[in-house]
Every structure is written in C-alpha cells, then in structure tokens.
Amino acid sequence: MKYNIVVATHHKTGTVWMDGVFKKIADDLGAAYVDFRSEYGRLERTLEEPFVLFNYDSDFRDYAHVLDRSDVRVLHLIRDPRDVLISAMHYHKKSAESWLHTPVPGYNNVTCQRRLKELRTRLDQYVFEMEHSTAGTLRGMLDWKYGRPNCFEARYERLRKDIDLTYWNEIADFLGFSEAEQKSSSKRFWQNSLFGGLSRFGNKHVRSGDVAQWRREFNPQLAYAFLDRFPTALQSLGYEKDDKWVVELQGTETAEFGSLLKRFVSNPLEPIKGLLRT
C-alpha cells in the first residue's frame, strides 16, 4: 500500500457502496478502516499507517489538513444533484435513521419523516426535501475544495456504468495500488456493485441506483422549483452547460422556458467543471 487513502462522499452519492468496497479493500491490504464520524474524537490515535479513512459527508472540520498530506491519496465522489434529490426523498420516506424520527421544532414537534409523508403531492415532497437535507448535501458538494493534485474527483454516474472496470482501474492506479492490489480491489468493487455481485433486492439503502433518474421523474414544475433553489449547481458541478435541459422535459413550453432563463442570467459561482475528471 503506497499511500494512505481517504474516501470522501456525500449523502446519496454512493456512500454505502463505497463503504462496502473500501472496508473489504482495507481488510485485504491489512490497513485500518477508520470511520471519520464515529472515530472523530480519537482520530489522532486511530490514523496510524496504513489507514483508509472514510467520511460520508466530506466535511473534515478540524482534520482538513489530512487531505493535504503527501502520504495521502483522496477519492472524492459526487453525483448529479437532481438524482441526489430523487434518491434522498424516497429514502427519507422509509428510512429508520434516528434523525428522521426526532420531533422537529417549527413543525408542531412532528418528525421530519412524518412531515414528508404527510405532504399530498410528489412535488411538495421534493420541495420539502430540497429545502432540508438535500440543501445541505448540495452545499457540501459545491463547497468542496476542488483541484487538489492528490485527489481523484470521481462521478457516481461513471462508476455506476463501469461494467468493464475501466474507470475503477483508473481510480485504483491513482490511489497507488500495486498490480496485485489493483486485482484485489477490482474484485471487491465488482462484488459490491449492482452490476456485479450485489443485488439491490433486500438492500434497504438501494431503491434504484440508476443513472439519470431525473429524466423520468422531473416535470417542468419540479425543474423550476429546483432551479429556483439551486440556480447554478448543475453548471458549477459540470452536469449541465446551461438551463436548456428544462426544455427537454415533457410538457415544457418554449415561451415558459424563455421567461425562466431571464430569472437565472447571473452565475455567481466560479465553475469547477474543468477540475472534474469526466
């Protein structure tokens, strides 16, 4: 193992998937597998070489300096924000995670999950999700420090379609795996992938996992609501060049789209598309 490894994901960007893959890889390599959140108060003691450090929301707080160490290689994973929204909303309606079942001030002490499920329309449910959990997830993806030379900026979409493991081998090579370690890591990636040895049936974390679910789920009303809240996210992350994707949605009127464009003519965020490996 040439480098210590840091794996940084965001909610619904392949977190459980990468957790399963790298736990096995760490075990194969004889490295300590360290969960950033659960080990946060003991990281000074637990980050002993060799290690694989996993962080499910990419916020390293007081330990951000670890990302810039010369003996560390980082894998950072993002996903199309529209698919993040879809996956998160459906997951939060069914998940048993404790925070979803804790009464929320301002909602008559109704839990987040109950409030989400009580909303009558799918549009209302997506808007609620956009204004709560997904808002934080997208801020995390946008606030990440892109451009680190020791970081592989990966996309969920390419990994999800990587049946021949070409993309994965590129990642493994970047992480410094030897030929034998690459072979072992490829086996673990395949075993834990939906197109390989992992079935989504019976897996509570996986509803679909498909790429570009938004093309089936988004309608003009949802698209406008999304752009109203995250007007530059898709361009900044390199998923769209402009807002013309809205026109392709069934039921979108050209005149309606022209009016929409006038509302989003400014782009205050510096695009980071060029820093992402596509």
Protein backbone atom coordinates (compact mmCIF):
# COMPACT_ATOMS: atom_id res chain seq x y z
CA MET A 1 0.00 0.00 0.00
CA LYS A 2 1.87 3.03 -1.31
CA TYR A 3 -0.43 5.73 0.14
CA ASN A 4 -2.90 6.09 2.93
CA ILE A 5 -6.36 6.55 1.46
CA VAL A 6 -9.18 8.99 2.21
CA VAL A 7 -12.62 8.31 0.72
CA ALA A 8 -14.98 11.30 0.75
CA THR A 9 -18.61 11.01 -0.36
CA HIS A 10 -21.89 12.85 0.14
CA HIS A 11 -25.36 11.61 1.09
CA LYS A 12 -26.86 9.51 -1.74
CA THR A 13 -23.76 9.72 -3.93
CA GLY A 14 -22.72 6.09 -3.45
CA THR A 15 -21.81 6.32 0.23
CA VAL A 16 -22.96 2.85 1.31
CA TRP A 17 -21.49 1.41 -1.88
CA MET A 18 -18.02 2.87 -1.31
CA ASP A 19 -18.17 1.99 2.38
CA GLY A 20 -18.67 -1.67 1.47
CA VAL A 21 -15.95 -1.60 -1.19
CA PHE A 22 -13.26 0.06 0.90
CA LYS A 23 -13.93 -1.90 4.07
CA LYS A 24 -13.05 -5.03 2.13
CA ILE A 25 -10.08 -3.37 0.45
CA ALA A 26 -8.70 -2.19 3.79
CA ASP A 27 -9.05 -5.70 5.19
CA ASP A 28 -7.26 -7.19 2.16
CA LEU A 29 -4.42 -4.67 2.50
CA GLY A 30 -4.07 -5.03 6.25
CA ALA A 31 -4.95 -1.36 6.73
CA ALA A 32 -7.05 0.17 9.50
CA TYR A 33 -10.51 1.17 8.30
CA VAL A 34 -11.44 4.40 10.11
CA ASP A 35 -14.92 5.90 10.04
CA PHE A 36 -14.45 9.65 10.35
CA ARG A 37 -17.65 10.37 12.27
CA SER A 38 -17.61 7.55 14.78
CA GLU A 39 -13.87 7.93 15.41
CA TYR A 40 -13.78 11.73 15.34
CA GLY A 41 -12.66 12.21 18.94
CA ARG A 42 -9.91 9.59 18.57
CA LEU A 43 -8.54 10.35 15.10
CA GLU A 44 -5.12 11.41 16.35
CA ARG A 45 -4.72 7.89 17.72
CA THR A 46 -6.56 5.92 15.05
CA LEU A 47 -4.89 7.45 11.98
CA GLU A 48 -1.89 5.20 12.21
CA GLU A 49 -0.40 3.99 8.96
CA PRO A 50 -1.59 2.28 6.92
CA PHE A 51 -5.20 3.52 7.00
CA VAL A 52 -8.31 4.01 4.91
CA LEU A 53 -10.29 6.97 6.26
CA PHE A 54 -13.96 7.15 5.22
CA ASN A 55 -16.12 10.28 5.54
CA TYR A 56 -19.72 10.13 4.34
CA ASP A 57 -20.31 13.88 4.03
CA SER A 58 -16.84 15.18 3.03
CA ASP A 59 -16.75 17.72 5.89
CA PHE A 60 -13.44 17.13 7.64
CA ARG A 61 -13.71 20.05 10.05
CA ASP A 62 -10.59 20.23 12.24
CA TYR A 63 -8.93 17.43 10.28
CA ALA A 64 -8.99 19.01 6.82
CA HIS A 65 -5.18 19.07 6.91
CA VAL A 66 -5.19 15.29 6.49
CA LEU A 67 -6.38 15.79 2.90
CA ASP A 68 -3.19 17.67 2.02
CA ARG A 69 -0.71 15.20 3.45
CA SER A 70 1.91 13.97 0.99
CA ASP A 71 1.32 10.36 2.06
CA VAL A 72 -2.43 10.52 1.35
CA ARG A 73 -4.45 9.97 -1.81
CA VAL A 74 -8.09 11.06 -1.83
CA LEU A 75 -11.12 9.72 -3.69
CA HIS A 76 -13.99 12.23 -3.74
CA LEU A 77 -17.32 11.17 -5.20
CA ILE A 78 -20.19 13.36 -6.41
CA ARG A 79 -23.48 12.71 -8.21
CA ASP A 80 -25.94 14.64 -10.36
CA PRO A 81 -27.81 16.85 -7.83
CA ARG A 82 -31.14 16.00 -9.47
CA ASP A 83 -30.61 12.30 -8.82
CA VAL A 84 -29.39 13.06 -5.31
CA LEU A 85 -32.73 14.77 -4.68
CA ILE A 86 -34.76 11.88 -6.04
CA SER A 87 -32.83 9.22 -4.16
CA ALA A 88 -32.84 11.19 -0.90
CA MET A 89 -36.57 11.92 -0.91
CA HIS A 90 -37.56 8.29 -1.42
CA TYR A 91 -35.01 7.07 1.11
CA HIS A 92 -36.12 9.53 3.78
CA LYS A 93 -39.74 8.42 3.46
CA LYS A 94 -38.79 4.91 4.56
CA SER A 95 -35.51 5.10 6.45
CA ALA A 96 -35.25 4.20 10.12
CA GLU A 97 -32.38 6.64 10.74
CA SER A 98 -32.95 8.28 14.12
CA TRP A 99 -32.83 11.91 12.98
CA LEU A 100 -35.82 11.30 10.72
CA HIS A 101 -37.86 10.22 13.74
CA THR A 102 -36.93 13.08 16.07
CA PRO A 103 -39.58 15.82 16.53
CA VAL A 104 -38.64 18.97 14.63
CA PRO A 105 -39.23 22.42 16.19
CA GLY A 106 -41.44 24.54 13.96
CA TYR A 107 -43.50 21.57 12.74
CA ASN A 108 -45.55 21.14 15.92
CA ASN A 109 -42.91 18.62 17.01
CA VAL A 110 -43.81 16.35 14.09
CA THR A 111 -40.88 14.28 12.89
CA CYS A 112 -39.17 15.03 9.60
CA GLN A 113 -40.24 11.74 8.06
CA ARG A 114 -43.86 12.12 9.13
CA ARG A 115 -43.96 15.66 7.75
CA LEU A 116 -42.51 14.45 4.45
CA LYS A 117 -45.01 11.61 4.15
CA GLU A 118 -47.97 13.84 5.04
CA LEU A 119 -47.39 16.11 2.06
CA ARG A 120 -50.03 15.35 -0.56
CA THR A 121 -48.15 15.64 -3.82
CA ARG A 122 -44.81 14.30 -5.06
CA LEU A 123 -43.86 17.88 -5.97
CA ASP A 124 -44.45 19.07 -2.40
CA GLN A 125 -42.37 16.18 -1.09
CA TYR A 126 -39.47 17.02 -3.39
CA VAL A 127 -39.64 20.71 -2.45
CA PHE A 128 -39.56 19.78 1.23
CA GLU A 129 -36.53 17.56 0.60
CA MET A 130 -34.80 20.33 -1.39
CA GLU A 131 -35.22 22.76 1.48
CA HIS A 132 -33.89 20.39 4.12
CA SER A 133 -31.45 17.50 3.80
CA THR A 134 -30.63 17.85 0.11
CA ALA A 135 -29.83 21.54 0.51
CA GLY A 136 -27.02 20.59 2.89
CA THR A 137 -25.79 17.84 0.60
CA LEU A 138 -25.53 20.16 -2.39
CA ARG A 139 -23.78 22.82 -0.32
CA GLY A 140 -21.26 20.18 0.66
CA MET A 141 -20.59 19.22 -2.96
CA LEU A 142 -20.25 22.87 -4.00
CA ASP A 143 -18.07 23.89 -1.04
CA TRP A 144 -15.58 21.06 -1.51
CA LYS A 145 -12.07 22.27 -2.36
CA TYR A 146 -11.56 21.04 -5.90
CA GLY A 147 -8.19 20.92 -7.63
CA ARG A 148 -6.08 19.06 -5.09
CA PRO A 149 -3.35 17.20 -7.04
CA ASN A 150 -3.65 14.20 -4.71
CA CYS A 151 -7.43 13.88 -5.16
CA PHE A 152 -9.33 11.89 -7.78
CA GLU A 153 -12.61 13.69 -8.47
CA ALA A 154 -14.97 10.88 -9.41
CA ARG A 155 -18.56 10.79 -10.61
CA TYR A 156 -21.15 8.31 -9.45
CA GLU A 157 -22.52 8.07 -12.98
CA ARG A 158 -19.29 6.73 -14.45
CA LEU A 159 -18.78 4.25 -11.63
CA ARG A 160 -22.37 3.02 -11.92
CA LYS A 161 -21.80 2.20 -15.62
CA ASP A 162 -18.28 0.86 -15.18
CA ILE A 163 -19.05 -2.75 -16.07
CA ASP A 164 -15.64 -3.35 -17.65
CA LEU A 165 -13.90 -1.71 -14.64
CA THR A 166 -12.00 0.76 -16.82
CA TYR A 167 -12.89 3.73 -14.62
CA TRP A 168 -12.26 1.78 -11.44
CA ASN A 169 -8.80 0.72 -12.62
CA GLU A 170 -8.02 4.36 -13.31
CA ILE A 171 -9.00 5.17 -9.74
CA ALA A 172 -7.04 2.24 -8.30
CA ASP A 173 -3.95 3.30 -10.22
CA PHE A 174 -4.31 6.87 -8.94
CA LEU A 175 -4.62 5.59 -5.37
CA GLY A 176 -1.24 3.91 -5.78
CA PHE A 177 -2.31 0.27 -5.75
CA SER A 178 0.23 -2.24 -6.99
CA GLU A 179 -0.73 -4.68 -9.73
CA ALA A 180 -1.72 -7.31 -7.15
CA GLU A 181 -3.61 -4.73 -5.08
CA GLN A 182 -5.46 -3.49 -8.17
CA LYS A 183 -6.57 -7.02 -8.95
CA SER A 184 -7.83 -7.50 -5.41
CA SER A 185 -9.54 -4.09 -5.32
CA SER A 186 -11.26 -4.76 -8.65
CA LYS A 187 -12.69 -7.96 -7.21
CA ARG A 188 -14.06 -6.07 -4.22
CA PHE A 189 -15.50 -3.32 -6.41
CA TRP A 190 -17.27 -5.88 -8.58
CA GLN A 191 -18.62 -7.84 -5.60
CA ASN A 192 -20.14 -4.69 -4.10
CA SER A 193 -21.61 -3.22 -7.31
CA LEU A 194 -25.20 -3.56 -8.50
CA PHE A 195 -23.98 -4.72 -11.92
CA GLY A 196 -21.73 -7.29 -10.23
CA GLY A 197 -22.28 -9.39 -7.13
CA LEU A 198 -24.57 -7.08 -5.18
CA SER A 199 -28.33 -7.31 -5.56
CA ARG A 200 -30.42 -4.27 -4.68
CA PHE A 201 -33.24 -6.54 -3.53
CA GLY A 202 -33.25 -6.78 0.23
CA ASN A 203 -30.85 -3.84 0.50
CA LYS A 204 -32.65 -1.10 2.43
CA HIS A 205 -30.29 1.57 1.12
CA VAL A 206 -30.89 0.88 -2.57
CA ARG A 207 -34.17 1.82 -4.30
CA SER A 208 -32.83 2.02 -7.84
CA GLY A 209 -29.28 3.30 -8.15
CA ASP A 210 -29.92 4.12 -11.81
CA VAL A 211 -28.21 7.00 -13.57
CA ALA A 212 -30.30 9.97 -14.80
CA GLN A 213 -33.46 9.06 -12.88
CA TRP A 214 -34.36 12.73 -13.11
CA ARG A 215 -35.27 12.32 -16.78
CA ARG A 216 -38.21 10.14 -15.72
CA GLU A 217 -39.11 11.96 -12.53
CA PHE A 218 -38.69 15.67 -13.25
CA ASN A 219 -41.51 17.70 -14.77
CA PRO A 220 -41.41 21.46 -15.54
CA GLN A 221 -42.79 22.39 -12.13
CA LEU A 222 -40.14 20.38 -10.29
CA ALA A 223 -37.41 21.69 -12.59
CA TYR A 224 -38.41 25.30 -11.90
CA ALA A 225 -38.52 24.64 -8.16
CA PHE A 226 -35.06 23.08 -8.35
CA LEU A 227 -33.57 25.98 -10.35
CA ASP A 228 -35.18 28.49 -8.03
CA ARG A 229 -33.27 26.98 -5.09
CA PHE A 230 -30.08 25.82 -6.81
CA PRO A 231 -29.77 28.04 -9.92
CA THR A 232 -26.08 27.35 -10.62
CA ALA A 233 -25.41 23.97 -9.04
CA LEU A 234 -25.60 21.88 -12.20
CA GLN A 235 -23.29 24.16 -14.17
CA SER A 236 -20.84 24.57 -11.30
CA LEU A 237 -20.54 20.81 -10.89
CA GLY A 238 -20.30 20.24 -14.64
CA TYR A 239 -23.57 18.37 -15.13
CA GLU A 240 -25.11 20.94 -17.47
CA LYS A 241 -23.73 23.80 -19.58
CA ASP A 242 -26.89 25.86 -19.18
CA ASP A 243 -30.57 25.55 -18.23
CA LYS A 244 -31.76 24.23 -21.59
CA TRP A 245 -32.25 20.76 -20.11
CA VAL A 246 -35.60 22.05 -18.88
CA VAL A 247 -36.83 22.32 -22.48
CA GLU A 248 -36.32 18.58 -22.95
CA LEU A 249 -38.77 17.78 -20.17
CA GLN A 250 -42.18 16.65 -21.31
CA GLY A 251 -44.72 19.43 -21.07
CA THR A 252 -42.29 22.37 -21.09
CA GLU A 253 -43.39 25.28 -23.25
CA THR A 254 -40.71 27.29 -25.09
CA ALA A 255 -42.14 30.62 -24.00
CA GLU A 256 -42.25 29.41 -20.44
CA PHE A 257 -38.59 28.44 -20.62
CA GLY A 258 -37.64 31.85 -22.05
CA SER A 259 -39.22 33.52 -19.06
CA LEU A 260 -37.32 31.17 -16.77
CA LEU A 261 -33.97 31.99 -18.34
CA LYS A 262 -34.39 35.68 -17.57
CA ARG A 263 -34.56 34.80 -13.88
CA PHE A 264 -31.25 32.94 -13.93
CA VAL A 265 -28.99 35.05 -16.14
CA SER A 266 -26.33 35.54 -13.46
CA ASN A 267 -23.89 32.85 -12.39
CA PRO A 268 -22.11 33.99 -9.22
CA LEU A 269 -20.29 30.70 -8.60
CA GLU A 270 -16.98 30.01 -10.28
CA PRO A 271 -17.47 26.93 -12.50
CA ILE A 272 -15.42 23.94 -11.38
CA LYS A 273 -16.25 21.70 -14.31
CA GLY A 274 -12.69 21.78 -15.63
CA LEU A 275 -11.39 20.33 -12.38
CA LEU A 276 -13.58 17.23 -12.54
CA ARG A 277 -12.44 14.08 -14.31
CA THR A 278 -15.22 13.19 -16.77
